[in-house]
Amino acid sequence: MAKEKKEKKKNSKLKKIKKLATPKKIALLMALISLVSFLYKIGLGIISNSIILIIASLSTAVVCACKFIFWKDMNADRKTKKKSYFIMMILALSFAVLFLLFAVLKVGGIDTSSKNNFKGIIGYIFIAFVILMFVLSIINLKGALTKTDIMVIGIKEMTFVSALADAVIIQEFLYKTIPHYRDLPFMRILNSYFPLIIAVAMIMVPIYMFKRFRQYEA
């Protein structure tokens, strides 16, 4: 009898949790978390006068927009989901082109963030967080590509684009930190051309998204 009562209480608690934590509410929560992340990044970028961080924050803003689109249409029909995926693709392409322009300017020697804007323990914590998000984004992308919901795949693809932008922040951090301990000339070349390499990789994502969009049957 005691075991049965415990099981009933446990089941009733699970039912309450399921009612509160519906997929729709969880999707909205994820979108709001992305919004907070965007505000944090762009605020830190403006305060530290880091153009790289500001641009990376824009990728988070695009991820946030995609998550709100997902929240809005997650239970829609296939035709509506296909249209939503198309919007995600356009957002990914827009950011990739913007990042490509930034990378070209950087190769040309235009870089307003010449000082180290990632100083102190706060800077190291931030970079550690960025590295963690980068790794998780790659893992999540691999898992998402096995799913059939085109909007879930779209969210992960856009998150991967954002992770690529974060990779440039990581590279910039290393470029501004390593010379304090050891002078490595090749780091200057890497600092100029790494964002361009990443930008080309970003452009490939919306191209694959377009291919997926064409093949998806509404």
C-alpha atoms as a PDB file:
ATOM      1  CA  MET A   1       0.000   0.000   0.000  1.00  0.00           C
ATOM      2  CA  ALA A   2       2.784   2.404   0.919  1.00  0.00           C
ATOM      3  CA  LYS A   3       4.554   1.738  -2.389  1.00  0.00           C
ATOM      4  CA  GLU A   4       1.335   2.305  -4.329  1.00  0.00           C
ATOM      5  CA  LYS A   5       0.763   5.644  -2.590  1.00  0.00           C
ATOM      6  CA  LYS A   6       4.329   6.731  -3.380  1.00  0.00           C
ATOM      7  CA  GLU A   7       3.891   5.751  -7.035  1.00  0.00           C
ATOM      8  CA  LYS A   8       0.598   7.648  -7.241  1.00  0.00           C
ATOM      9  CA  LYS A   9       2.197  10.766  -5.730  1.00  0.00           C
ATOM     10  CA  LYS A  10       5.132  10.410  -8.120  1.00  0.00           C
ATOM     11  CA  ASN A  11       2.823  10.033 -11.128  1.00  0.00           C
ATOM     12  CA  SER A  12       0.708  13.018 -10.066  1.00  0.00           C
ATOM     13  CA  LYS A  13       3.847  15.161  -9.744  1.00  0.00           C
ATOM     14  CA  LEU A  14       5.019  14.069 -13.197  1.00  0.00           C
ATOM     15  CA  LYS A  15       1.615  14.951 -14.655  1.00  0.00           C
ATOM     16  CA  LYS A  16       1.785  18.418 -13.073  1.00  0.00           C
ATOM     17  CA  ILE A  17       5.302  18.940 -14.442  1.00  0.00           C
ATOM     18  CA  LYS A  18       4.174  17.833 -17.921  1.00  0.00           C
ATOM     19  CA  LYS A  19       1.267  20.285 -17.787  1.00  0.00           C
ATOM     20  CA  LEU A  20       3.550  23.132 -16.774  1.00  0.00           C
ATOM     21  CA  ALA A  21       6.535  22.191 -18.976  1.00  0.00           C
ATOM     22  CA  THR A  22       4.783  21.695 -22.302  1.00  0.00           C
ATOM     23  CA  PRO A  23       6.922  21.614 -25.485  1.00  0.00           C
ATOM     24  CA  LYS A  24       5.430  24.992 -26.468  1.00  0.00           C
ATOM     25  CA  LYS A  25       6.419  26.594 -23.153  1.00  0.00           C
ATOM     26  CA  ILE A  26       9.904  25.048 -23.286  1.00  0.00           C
ATOM     27  CA  ALA A  27      10.379  26.418 -26.813  1.00  0.00           C
ATOM     28  CA  LEU A  28       9.372  29.893 -25.594  1.00  0.00           C
ATOM     29  CA  LEU A  29      11.774  29.608 -22.654  1.00  0.00           C
ATOM     30  CA  MET A  30      14.634  28.679 -25.009  1.00  0.00           C
ATOM     31  CA  ALA A  31      13.830  31.704 -27.176  1.00  0.00           C
ATOM     32  CA  LEU A  32      13.846  34.012 -24.134  1.00  0.00           C
ATOM     33  CA  ILE A  33      17.194  32.571 -22.976  1.00  0.00           C
ATOM     34  CA  SER A  34      18.639  33.349 -26.422  1.00  0.00           C
ATOM     35  CA  LEU A  35      17.278  36.893 -26.112  1.00  0.00           C
ATOM     36  CA  VAL A  36      19.030  37.345 -22.755  1.00  0.00           C
ATOM     37  CA  SER A  37      22.240  35.918 -24.258  1.00  0.00           C
ATOM     38  CA  PHE A  38      22.019  38.408 -27.141  1.00  0.00           C
ATOM     39  CA  LEU A  39      21.504  41.375 -24.787  1.00  0.00           C
ATOM     40  CA  TYR A  40      24.447  40.207 -22.650  1.00  0.00           C
ATOM     41  CA  LYS A  41      26.770  39.810 -25.630  1.00  0.00           C
ATOM     42  CA  ILE A  42      25.918  43.081 -27.349  1.00  0.00           C
ATOM     43  CA  GLY A  43      26.077  44.957 -24.038  1.00  0.00           C
ATOM     44  CA  LEU A  44      29.517  43.520 -23.305  1.00  0.00           C
ATOM     45  CA  GLY A  45      30.604  44.259 -26.875  1.00  0.00           C
ATOM     46  CA  ILE A  46      29.550  47.910 -26.656  1.00  0.00           C
ATOM     47  CA  ILE A  47      31.141  48.403 -23.220  1.00  0.00           C
ATOM     48  CA  SER A  48      34.426  46.774 -24.288  1.00  0.00           C
ATOM     49  CA  ASN A  49      34.392  48.420 -27.749  1.00  0.00           C
ATOM     50  CA  SER A  50      34.822  45.009 -29.405  1.00  0.00           C
ATOM     51  CA  ILE A  51      33.496  44.884 -32.972  1.00  0.00           C
ATOM     52  CA  ILE A  52      33.966  41.099 -33.035  1.00  0.00           C
ATOM     53  CA  LEU A  53      31.789  40.608 -29.972  1.00  0.00           C
ATOM     54  CA  ILE A  54      29.124  42.946 -31.371  1.00  0.00           C
ATOM     55  CA  ILE A  55      28.996  40.987 -34.650  1.00  0.00           C
ATOM     56  CA  ALA A  56      28.882  37.676 -32.749  1.00  0.00           C
ATOM     57  CA  SER A  57      25.966  39.057 -30.725  1.00  0.00           C
ATOM     58  CA  LEU A  58      24.084  39.646 -33.974  1.00  0.00           C
ATOM     59  CA  SER A  59      24.361  35.932 -34.740  1.00  0.00           C
ATOM     60  CA  THR A  60      22.789  35.250 -31.347  1.00  0.00           C
ATOM     61  CA  ALA A  61      20.010  37.696 -32.255  1.00  0.00           C
ATOM     62  CA  VAL A  62      19.352  35.685 -35.424  1.00  0.00           C
ATOM     63  CA  VAL A  63      19.278  32.441 -33.412  1.00  0.00           C
ATOM     64  CA  CYS A  64      16.812  34.130 -31.062  1.00  0.00           C
ATOM     65  CA  ALA A  65      14.588  35.140 -34.002  1.00  0.00           C
ATOM     66  CA  CYS A  66      14.696  31.565 -35.353  1.00  0.00           C
ATOM     67  CA  LYS A  67      13.685  30.163 -31.962  1.00  0.00           C
ATOM     68  CA  PHE A  68      10.716  32.529 -31.781  1.00  0.00           C
ATOM     69  CA  ILE A  69       9.721  31.385 -35.289  1.00  0.00           C
ATOM     70  CA  PHE A  70      10.027  27.779 -34.115  1.00  0.00           C
ATOM     71  CA  TRP A  71       7.905  28.523 -31.029  1.00  0.00           C
ATOM     72  CA  LYS A  72       5.245  30.148 -33.208  1.00  0.00           C
ATOM     73  CA  ASP A  73       5.021  27.390 -35.854  1.00  0.00           C
ATOM     74  CA  MET A  74       6.248  24.247 -34.095  1.00  0.00           C
ATOM     75  CA  ASN A  75       2.791  22.632 -34.299  1.00  0.00           C
ATOM     76  CA  ALA A  76       1.936  23.950 -37.760  1.00  0.00           C
ATOM     77  CA  ASP A  77       1.465  21.912 -40.935  1.00  0.00           C
ATOM     78  CA  ARG A  78       4.376  20.955 -43.208  1.00  0.00           C
ATOM     79  CA  LYS A  79       3.668  23.789 -45.653  1.00  0.00           C
ATOM     80  CA  THR A  80       3.900  26.436 -42.906  1.00  0.00           C
ATOM     81  CA  LYS A  81       7.029  24.803 -41.477  1.00  0.00           C
ATOM     82  CA  LYS A  82       8.639  24.903 -44.907  1.00  0.00           C
ATOM     83  CA  LYS A  83       7.940  28.653 -45.146  1.00  0.00           C
ATOM     84  CA  SER A  84       9.367  29.164 -41.653  1.00  0.00           C
ATOM     85  CA  TYR A  85      12.489  27.205 -42.612  1.00  0.00           C
ATOM     86  CA  PHE A  86      12.868  29.457 -45.653  1.00  0.00           C
ATOM     87  CA  ILE A  87      12.826  32.515 -43.360  1.00  0.00           C
ATOM     88  CA  MET A  88      15.496  30.859 -41.185  1.00  0.00           C
ATOM     89  CA  MET A  89      17.573  30.270 -44.316  1.00  0.00           C
ATOM     90  CA  ILE A  90      17.302  33.959 -45.318  1.00  0.00           C
ATOM     91  CA  LEU A  91      18.337  35.028 -41.802  1.00  0.00           C
ATOM     92  CA  ALA A  92      21.327  32.667 -41.907  1.00  0.00           C
ATOM     93  CA  LEU A  93      22.338  33.966 -45.337  1.00  0.00           C
ATOM     94  CA  SER A  94      21.988  37.617 -44.255  1.00  0.00           C
ATOM     95  CA  PHE A  95      24.253  37.134 -41.254  1.00  0.00           C
ATOM     96  CA  ALA A  96      26.764  35.075 -43.261  1.00  0.00           C
ATOM     97  CA  VAL A  97      27.041  37.866 -45.865  1.00  0.00           C
ATOM     98  CA  LEU A  98      27.450  40.476 -43.104  1.00  0.00           C
ATOM     99  CA  PHE A  99      30.174  38.397 -41.489  1.00  0.00           C
ATOM    100  CA  LEU A 100      31.878  37.918 -44.856  1.00  0.00           C
ATOM    101  CA  LEU A 101      32.004  41.707 -45.350  1.00  0.00           C
ATOM    102  CA  PHE A 102      33.542  42.069 -41.883  1.00  0.00           C
ATOM    103  CA  ALA A 103      36.118  39.359 -42.691  1.00  0.00           C
ATOM    104  CA  VAL A 104      37.090  41.066 -45.960  1.00  0.00           C
ATOM    105  CA  LEU A 105      37.558  44.379 -44.124  1.00  0.00           C
ATOM    106  CA  LYS A 106      39.692  42.627 -41.508  1.00  0.00           C
ATOM    107  CA  VAL A 107      41.942  41.145 -44.199  1.00  0.00           C
ATOM    108  CA  GLY A 108      42.241  44.694 -45.554  1.00  0.00           C
ATOM    109  CA  GLY A 109      43.594  45.838 -42.189  1.00  0.00           C
ATOM    110  CA  ILE A 110      40.470  47.513 -40.805  1.00  0.00           C
ATOM    111  CA  ASP A 111      40.109  46.310 -37.214  1.00  0.00           C
ATOM    112  CA  THR A 112      38.767  48.610 -34.504  1.00  0.00           C
ATOM    113  CA  SER A 113      39.370  46.135 -31.691  1.00  0.00           C
ATOM    114  CA  SER A 114      43.150  46.358 -31.402  1.00  0.00           C
ATOM    115  CA  LYS A 115      43.324  46.158 -27.635  1.00  0.00           C
ATOM    116  CA  ASN A 116      42.666  43.156 -25.442  1.00  0.00           C
ATOM    117  CA  ASN A 117      39.012  43.378 -24.423  1.00  0.00           C
ATOM    118  CA  PHE A 118      38.981  40.034 -22.605  1.00  0.00           C
ATOM    119  CA  LYS A 119      41.038  40.871 -19.530  1.00  0.00           C
ATOM    120  CA  GLY A 120      40.774  39.433 -16.028  1.00  0.00           C
ATOM    121  CA  ILE A 121      38.836  36.545 -14.554  1.00  0.00           C
ATOM    122  CA  ILE A 122      35.539  37.748 -16.107  1.00  0.00           C
ATOM    123  CA  GLY A 123      37.126  37.599 -19.557  1.00  0.00           C
ATOM    124  CA  TYR A 124      38.381  34.051 -18.993  1.00  0.00           C
ATOM    125  CA  ILE A 125      34.971  32.935 -17.700  1.00  0.00           C
ATOM    126  CA  PHE A 126      33.311  34.464 -20.765  1.00  0.00           C
ATOM    127  CA  ILE A 127      35.703  32.737 -23.161  1.00  0.00           C
ATOM    128  CA  ALA A 128      35.216  29.411 -21.348  1.00  0.00           C
ATOM    129  CA  PHE A 129      31.452  29.858 -21.771  1.00  0.00           C
ATOM    130  CA  VAL A 130      31.893  30.619 -25.488  1.00  0.00           C
ATOM    131  CA  ILE A 131      34.041  27.496 -25.966  1.00  0.00           C
ATOM    132  CA  LEU A 132      31.417  25.372 -24.179  1.00  0.00           C
ATOM    133  CA  MET A 133      28.630  26.763 -26.382  1.00  0.00           C
ATOM    134  CA  PHE A 134      30.752  26.101 -29.483  1.00  0.00           C
ATOM    135  CA  VAL A 135      31.266  22.425 -28.561  1.00  0.00           C
ATOM    136  CA  LEU A 136      27.599  21.924 -27.622  1.00  0.00           C
ATOM    137  CA  SER A 137      26.449  23.509 -30.888  1.00  0.00           C
ATOM    138  CA  ILE A 138      28.482  21.021 -32.928  1.00  0.00           C
ATOM    139  CA  ILE A 139      27.160  18.079 -30.884  1.00  0.00           C
ATOM    140  CA  ASN A 140      23.570  19.340 -31.185  1.00  0.00           C
ATOM    141  CA  LEU A 141      23.919  19.814 -34.951  1.00  0.00           C
ATOM    142  CA  LYS A 142      25.018  16.206 -35.378  1.00  0.00           C
ATOM    143  CA  GLY A 143      22.007  15.004 -33.380  1.00  0.00           C
ATOM    144  CA  ALA A 144      19.561  17.340 -35.154  1.00  0.00           C
ATOM    145  CA  LEU A 145      20.474  16.113 -38.635  1.00  0.00           C
ATOM    146  CA  THR A 146      19.090  12.677 -37.717  1.00  0.00           C
ATOM    147  CA  LYS A 147      15.644  14.199 -37.050  1.00  0.00           C
ATOM    148  CA  THR A 148      12.874  14.738 -39.596  1.00  0.00           C
ATOM    149  CA  ASP A 149      11.366  18.022 -38.352  1.00  0.00           C
ATOM    150  CA  ILE A 150      12.761  20.638 -40.720  1.00  0.00           C
ATOM    151  CA  MET A 151      12.361  23.446 -38.179  1.00  0.00           C
ATOM    152  CA  VAL A 152      14.369  21.584 -35.527  1.00  0.00           C
ATOM    153  CA  ILE A 153      17.121  21.099 -38.107  1.00  0.00           C
ATOM    154  CA  GLY A 154      16.899  24.800 -39.032  1.00  0.00           C
ATOM    155  CA  ILE A 155      17.350  25.887 -35.406  1.00  0.00           C
ATOM    156  CA  LYS A 156      20.457  23.732 -35.031  1.00  0.00           C
ATOM    157  CA  GLU A 157      21.900  24.892 -38.361  1.00  0.00           C
ATOM    158  CA  MET A 158      21.525  28.531 -37.315  1.00  0.00           C
ATOM    159  CA  THR A 159      22.994  27.759 -33.899  1.00  0.00           C
ATOM    160  CA  PHE A 160      25.985  26.239 -35.713  1.00  0.00           C
ATOM    161  CA  VAL A 161      26.418  29.476 -37.700  1.00  0.00           C
ATOM    162  CA  SER A 162      26.416  31.356 -34.390  1.00  0.00           C
ATOM    163  CA  ALA A 163      28.999  28.901 -33.034  1.00  0.00           C
ATOM    164  CA  LEU A 164      31.252  29.659 -36.003  1.00  0.00           C
ATOM    165  CA  ALA A 165      31.067  33.353 -35.086  1.00  0.00           C
ATOM    166  CA  ASP A 166      31.992  32.405 -31.526  1.00  0.00           C
ATOM    167  CA  ALA A 167      35.006  30.498 -32.905  1.00  0.00           C
ATOM    168  CA  VAL A 168      36.327  33.820 -34.197  1.00  0.00           C
ATOM    169  CA  ILE A 169      35.966  35.289 -30.687  1.00  0.00           C
ATOM    170  CA  ILE A 170      37.985  32.353 -29.324  1.00  0.00           C
ATOM    171  CA  GLN A 171      40.664  32.886 -31.990  1.00  0.00           C
ATOM    172  CA  GLU A 172      40.755  36.626 -31.244  1.00  0.00           C
ATOM    173  CA  PHE A 173      41.169  35.900 -27.546  1.00  0.00           C
ATOM    174  CA  LEU A 174      44.101  33.562 -28.237  1.00  0.00           C
ATOM    175  CA  TYR A 175      45.666  36.119 -30.584  1.00  0.00           C
ATOM    176  CA  LYS A 176      45.545  38.816 -27.909  1.00  0.00           C
ATOM    177  CA  THR A 177      46.644  36.550 -25.059  1.00  0.00           C
ATOM    178  CA  ILE A 178      49.399  34.258 -26.422  1.00  0.00           C
ATOM    179  CA  PRO A 179      51.783  37.098 -27.488  1.00  0.00           C
ATOM    180  CA  HIS A 180      52.021  38.101 -23.808  1.00  0.00           C
ATOM    181  CA  TYR A 181      53.777  34.772 -23.208  1.00  0.00           C
ATOM    182  CA  ARG A 182      55.346  33.934 -26.566  1.00  0.00           C
ATOM    183  CA  ASP A 183      55.743  35.799 -29.854  1.00  0.00           C
ATOM    184  CA  LEU A 184      54.300  33.721 -32.709  1.00  0.00           C
ATOM    185  CA  PRO A 185      54.402  35.612 -36.056  1.00  0.00           C
ATOM    186  CA  PHE A 186      51.970  33.237 -37.778  1.00  0.00           C
ATOM    187  CA  MET A 187      49.294  34.327 -35.271  1.00  0.00           C
ATOM    188  CA  ARG A 188      49.062  37.690 -37.079  1.00  0.00           C
ATOM    189  CA  ILE A 189      48.349  35.976 -40.390  1.00  0.00           C
ATOM    190  CA  LEU A 190      45.840  33.664 -38.717  1.00  0.00           C
ATOM    191  CA  ASN A 191      44.142  36.647 -37.075  1.00  0.00           C
ATOM    192  CA  SER A 192      43.653  38.294 -40.464  1.00  0.00           C
ATOM    193  CA  TYR A 193      42.492  35.284 -42.477  1.00  0.00           C
ATOM    194  CA  PHE A 194      40.744  33.031 -39.955  1.00  0.00           C
ATOM    195  CA  PRO A 195      37.524  35.130 -39.977  1.00  0.00           C
ATOM    196  CA  LEU A 196      37.502  34.889 -43.787  1.00  0.00           C
ATOM    197  CA  ILE A 197      37.776  31.089 -43.639  1.00  0.00           C
ATOM    198  CA  ILE A 198      34.950  31.002 -41.103  1.00  0.00           C
ATOM    199  CA  ALA A 199      32.847  33.348 -43.273  1.00  0.00           C
ATOM    200  CA  VAL A 200      33.192  30.963 -46.246  1.00  0.00           C
ATOM    201  CA  ALA A 201      32.075  28.079 -43.989  1.00  0.00           C
ATOM    202  CA  MET A 202      29.087  30.170 -42.888  1.00  0.00           C
ATOM    203  CA  ILE A 203      28.027  30.799 -46.482  1.00  0.00           C
ATOM    204  CA  MET A 204      27.951  27.041 -47.062  1.00  0.00           C
ATOM    205  CA  VAL A 205      25.281  26.579 -44.357  1.00  0.00           C
ATOM    206  CA  PRO A 206      22.464  28.565 -46.077  1.00  0.00           C
ATOM    207  CA  ILE A 207      23.447  26.889 -49.375  1.00  0.00           C
ATOM    208  CA  TYR A 208      22.815  23.474 -47.802  1.00  0.00           C
ATOM    209  CA  MET A 209      19.660  24.884 -46.201  1.00  0.00           C
ATOM    210  CA  PHE A 210      18.400  25.915 -49.651  1.00  0.00           C
ATOM    211  CA  LYS A 211      19.068  22.400 -50.942  1.00  0.00           C
ATOM    212  CA  ARG A 212      17.141  20.936 -47.989  1.00  0.00           C
ATOM    213  CA  PHE A 213      14.322  23.454 -48.580  1.00  0.00           C
ATOM    214  CA  ARG A 214      14.002  22.382 -52.226  1.00  0.00           C
ATOM    215  CA  GLN A 215      13.915  18.680 -51.320  1.00  0.00           C
ATOM    216  CA  TYR A 216      11.410  19.044 -48.478  1.00  0.00           C
ATOM    217  CA  GLU A 217       7.923  17.936 -49.470  1.00  0.00           C
ATOM    218  CA  ALA A 218       5.220  20.155 -47.973  1.00  0.00           C
END
